[in-house]
C-alpha atoms as a PDB file:
ATOM      1  CA  MET A   1       9.603   7.577   8.415  1.00  0.00           C
ATOM      2  CA  ASP A   2       8.087   5.820   5.238  1.00  0.00           C
ATOM      3  CA  CYS A   3       5.571   2.794   5.470  1.00  0.00           C
ATOM      4  CA  TYR A   4       5.774  -0.102   3.156  1.00  0.00           C
ATOM      5  CA  ILE A   5       2.626  -2.457   2.661  1.00  0.00           C
ATOM      6  CA  TYR A   6       2.919  -5.504   1.086  1.00  0.00           C
ATOM      7  CA  PHE A   7       0.317  -8.558   0.270  1.00  0.00           C
ATOM      8  CA  LYS A   8      -0.056 -10.677  -2.354  1.00  0.00           C
ATOM      9  CA  ALA A   9      -3.211 -11.379  -4.553  1.00  0.00           C
ATOM     10  CA  SER A  10      -4.525 -13.675  -6.889  1.00  0.00           C
ATOM     11  CA  SER A  11      -3.079 -12.196 -10.594  1.00  0.00           C
ATOM     12  CA  SER A  12      -6.712 -12.473 -11.905  1.00  0.00           C
ATOM     13  CA  HIS A  13      -7.321  -9.669  -9.526  1.00  0.00           C
ATOM     14  CA  GLU A  14      -4.970  -7.190 -10.903  1.00  0.00           C
ATOM     15  CA  SER A  15      -7.079  -4.461 -12.637  1.00  0.00           C
ATOM     16  CA  ALA A  16      -9.175  -4.790  -9.488  1.00  0.00           C
ATOM     17  CA  ILE A  17      -6.053  -4.552  -6.756  1.00  0.00           C
ATOM     18  CA  LEU A  18      -5.287  -0.671  -9.424  1.00  0.00           C
ATOM     19  CA  GLU A  19      -8.863   0.381  -8.927  1.00  0.00           C
ATOM     20  CA  GLN A  20      -8.967  -0.026  -5.963  1.00  0.00           C
ATOM     21  CA  GLU A  21      -5.111   0.829  -5.022  1.00  0.00           C
ATOM     22  CA  GLN A  22      -6.687   4.756  -6.945  1.00  0.00           C
ATOM     23  CA  LEU A  23      -9.565   4.903  -4.497  1.00  0.00           C
ATOM     24  CA  LEU A  24      -7.267   4.457  -1.649  1.00  0.00           C
ATOM     25  CA  LEU A  25      -5.154   7.348  -2.730  1.00  0.00           C
ATOM     26  CA  SER A  26      -7.706   9.994  -3.484  1.00  0.00           C
ATOM     27  CA  PHE A  27      -8.935   9.139   0.551  1.00  0.00           C
ATOM     28  CA  MET A  28      -5.282   9.161   1.473  1.00  0.00           C
ATOM     29  CA  LEU A  29      -5.484  12.868  -0.217  1.00  0.00           C
ATOM     30  CA  GLU A  30      -8.040  13.810   1.321  1.00  0.00           C
ATOM     31  CA  TYR A  31      -6.219  13.111   4.669  1.00  0.00           C
ATOM     32  CA  GLY A  32      -3.494  15.448   3.307  1.00  0.00           C
ATOM     33  CA  LEU A  33      -1.476  12.323   2.869  1.00  0.00           C
ATOM     34  CA  SER A  34      -0.472  12.793  -0.807  1.00  0.00           C
ATOM     35  CA  LYS A  35       3.171  11.017  -1.213  1.00  0.00           C
ATOM     36  CA  HIS A  36       1.793   7.227  -2.181  1.00  0.00           C
ATOM     37  CA  ARG A  37       3.419   4.855  -4.909  1.00  0.00           C
ATOM     38  CA  LEU A  38       2.210   1.485  -6.052  1.00  0.00           C
ATOM     39  CA  GLN A  39       4.327  -1.608  -7.147  1.00  0.00           C
ATOM     40  CA  LYS A  40       4.479  -4.829  -8.045  1.00  0.00           C
ATOM     41  CA  ARG A  41       6.969  -7.528  -8.628  1.00  0.00           C
ATOM     42  CA  PRO A  42       7.986  -8.089 -12.362  1.00  0.00           C
ATOM     43  CA  GLN A  43       6.478 -11.844 -12.648  1.00  0.00           C
ATOM     44  CA  ALA A  44       4.037 -13.725 -10.464  1.00  0.00           C
ATOM     45  CA  GLN A  45       4.568 -17.259  -8.889  1.00  0.00           C
ATOM     46  CA  ASP A  46       1.899 -19.882  -9.153  1.00  0.00           C
ATOM     47  CA  GLY A  47      -0.441 -17.321 -10.248  1.00  0.00           C
ATOM     48  CA  MET A  48       0.119 -14.722  -7.475  1.00  0.00           C
ATOM     49  CA  GLN A  49       1.354 -11.484  -7.758  1.00  0.00           C
ATOM     50  CA  THR A  50       2.931  -9.557  -4.931  1.00  0.00           C
ATOM     51  CA  TRP A  51       2.190  -5.700  -4.145  1.00  0.00           C
ATOM     52  CA  MET A  52       3.588  -2.807  -2.622  1.00  0.00           C
ATOM     53  CA  GLU A  53       2.667  -0.108  -1.641  1.00  0.00           C
ATOM     54  CA  ILE A  54       4.777   2.959  -0.411  1.00  0.00           C
ATOM     55  CA  HIS A  55       3.584   5.577   1.427  1.00  0.00           C
ATOM     56  CA  ARG A  56       6.298   8.237   2.532  1.00  0.00           C
ATOM     57  CA  GLU A  57       7.092  11.184   4.593  1.00  0.00           C
ATOM     58  CA  LEU A  58       4.396  10.395   7.170  1.00  0.00           C
ATOM     59  CA  ALA A  59       2.367  13.072   8.650  1.00  0.00           C
ATOM     60  CA  PRO A  60       0.803  12.141  12.444  1.00  0.00           C
ATOM     61  CA  GLY A  61      -2.116  10.103  12.582  1.00  0.00           C
ATOM     62  CA  PHE A  62      -1.045   8.259   9.331  1.00  0.00           C
ATOM     63  CA  GLU A  63      -2.153   4.444  10.564  1.00  0.00           C
ATOM     64  CA  GLN A  64      -5.484   5.897  11.452  1.00  0.00           C
ATOM     65  CA  ALA A  65      -5.498   7.681   8.344  1.00  0.00           C
ATOM     66  CA  LEU A  66      -4.926   4.387   6.181  1.00  0.00           C
ATOM     67  CA  ALA A  67      -7.045   2.792   8.384  1.00  0.00           C
ATOM     68  CA  ARG A  68     -10.017   4.164   7.807  1.00  0.00           C
ATOM     69  CA  ALA A  69      -9.255   5.044   3.831  1.00  0.00           C
ATOM     70  CA  TYR A  70      -8.527   1.101   3.482  1.00  0.00           C
ATOM     71  CA  ALA A  71     -11.830   0.046   5.182  1.00  0.00           C
ATOM     72  CA  GLN A  72     -13.495   1.675   2.428  1.00  0.00           C
ATOM     73  CA  THR A  73     -12.092   0.042  -0.013  1.00  0.00           C
ATOM     74  CA  ARG A  74     -11.927  -3.835  -1.638  1.00  0.00           C
ATOM     75  CA  LEU A  75      -8.758  -4.443  -1.093  1.00  0.00           C
ATOM     76  CA  ALA A  76      -9.389  -6.936   2.192  1.00  0.00           C
ATOM     77  CA  GLU A  77     -11.328  -8.732  -0.167  1.00  0.00           C
ATOM     78  CA  LEU A  78      -9.157  -8.869  -3.226  1.00  0.00           C
ATOM     79  CA  GLN A  79      -5.469  -9.663  -1.145  1.00  0.00           C
ATOM     80  CA  SER A  80      -4.830 -13.816  -0.228  1.00  0.00           C
ATOM     81  CA  GLY A  81      -3.588 -13.396   3.182  1.00  0.00           C
ATOM     82  CA  GLU A  82      -2.363 -10.495   5.735  1.00  0.00           C
ATOM     83  CA  ARG A  83      -0.983  -6.978   4.825  1.00  0.00           C
ATOM     84  CA  HIS A  84       2.403  -6.819   5.819  1.00  0.00           C
ATOM     85  CA  ILE A  85       3.068  -3.519   7.018  1.00  0.00           C
ATOM     86  CA  GLU A  86       6.561  -2.587   7.786  1.00  0.00           C
ATOM     87  CA  TYR A  87       7.968   1.406   8.989  1.00  0.00           C
ATOM     88  CA  PHE A  88      12.059   2.647   7.757  1.00  0.00           C
ATOM     89  CA  MET A  89      13.906   5.917   8.594  1.00  0.00           C
ATOM     90  CA  ASP A  90      16.620   6.878   6.541  1.00  0.00           C
ATOM     91  CA  ALA A  91      19.892   6.463   8.225  1.00  0.00           C
ATOM     92  CA  LYS A  92      22.035   9.232   9.343  1.00  0.00           C
ATOM     93  CA  LEU A  93      25.508   8.631   7.035  1.00  0.00           C
ATOM     94  CA  CYS A  94      29.044  10.385   8.499  1.00  0.00           C
ATOM     95  CA  ALA A  95      30.444  12.075   5.293  1.00  0.00           C
END
């Protein structure tokens, strides 16, 4: 299963978002969760940028580890609005 988290932040916070996402990644690595990716939309809209965290191949305890890691960053104060968290799993295709 994979976890996709998206949020918006002011374009003026881009360097701080990148810094705090790197910090989040370092905490996630401490918990043994290494499949992390960060993306953003190609263009800002009304001064806001949309960001997407992608966490792949979730290990047991992922949600608790993510919550602990997130709490150790400044991401909450940099974001505008809430973080949207969604989970997806691979679909099995018939040949």
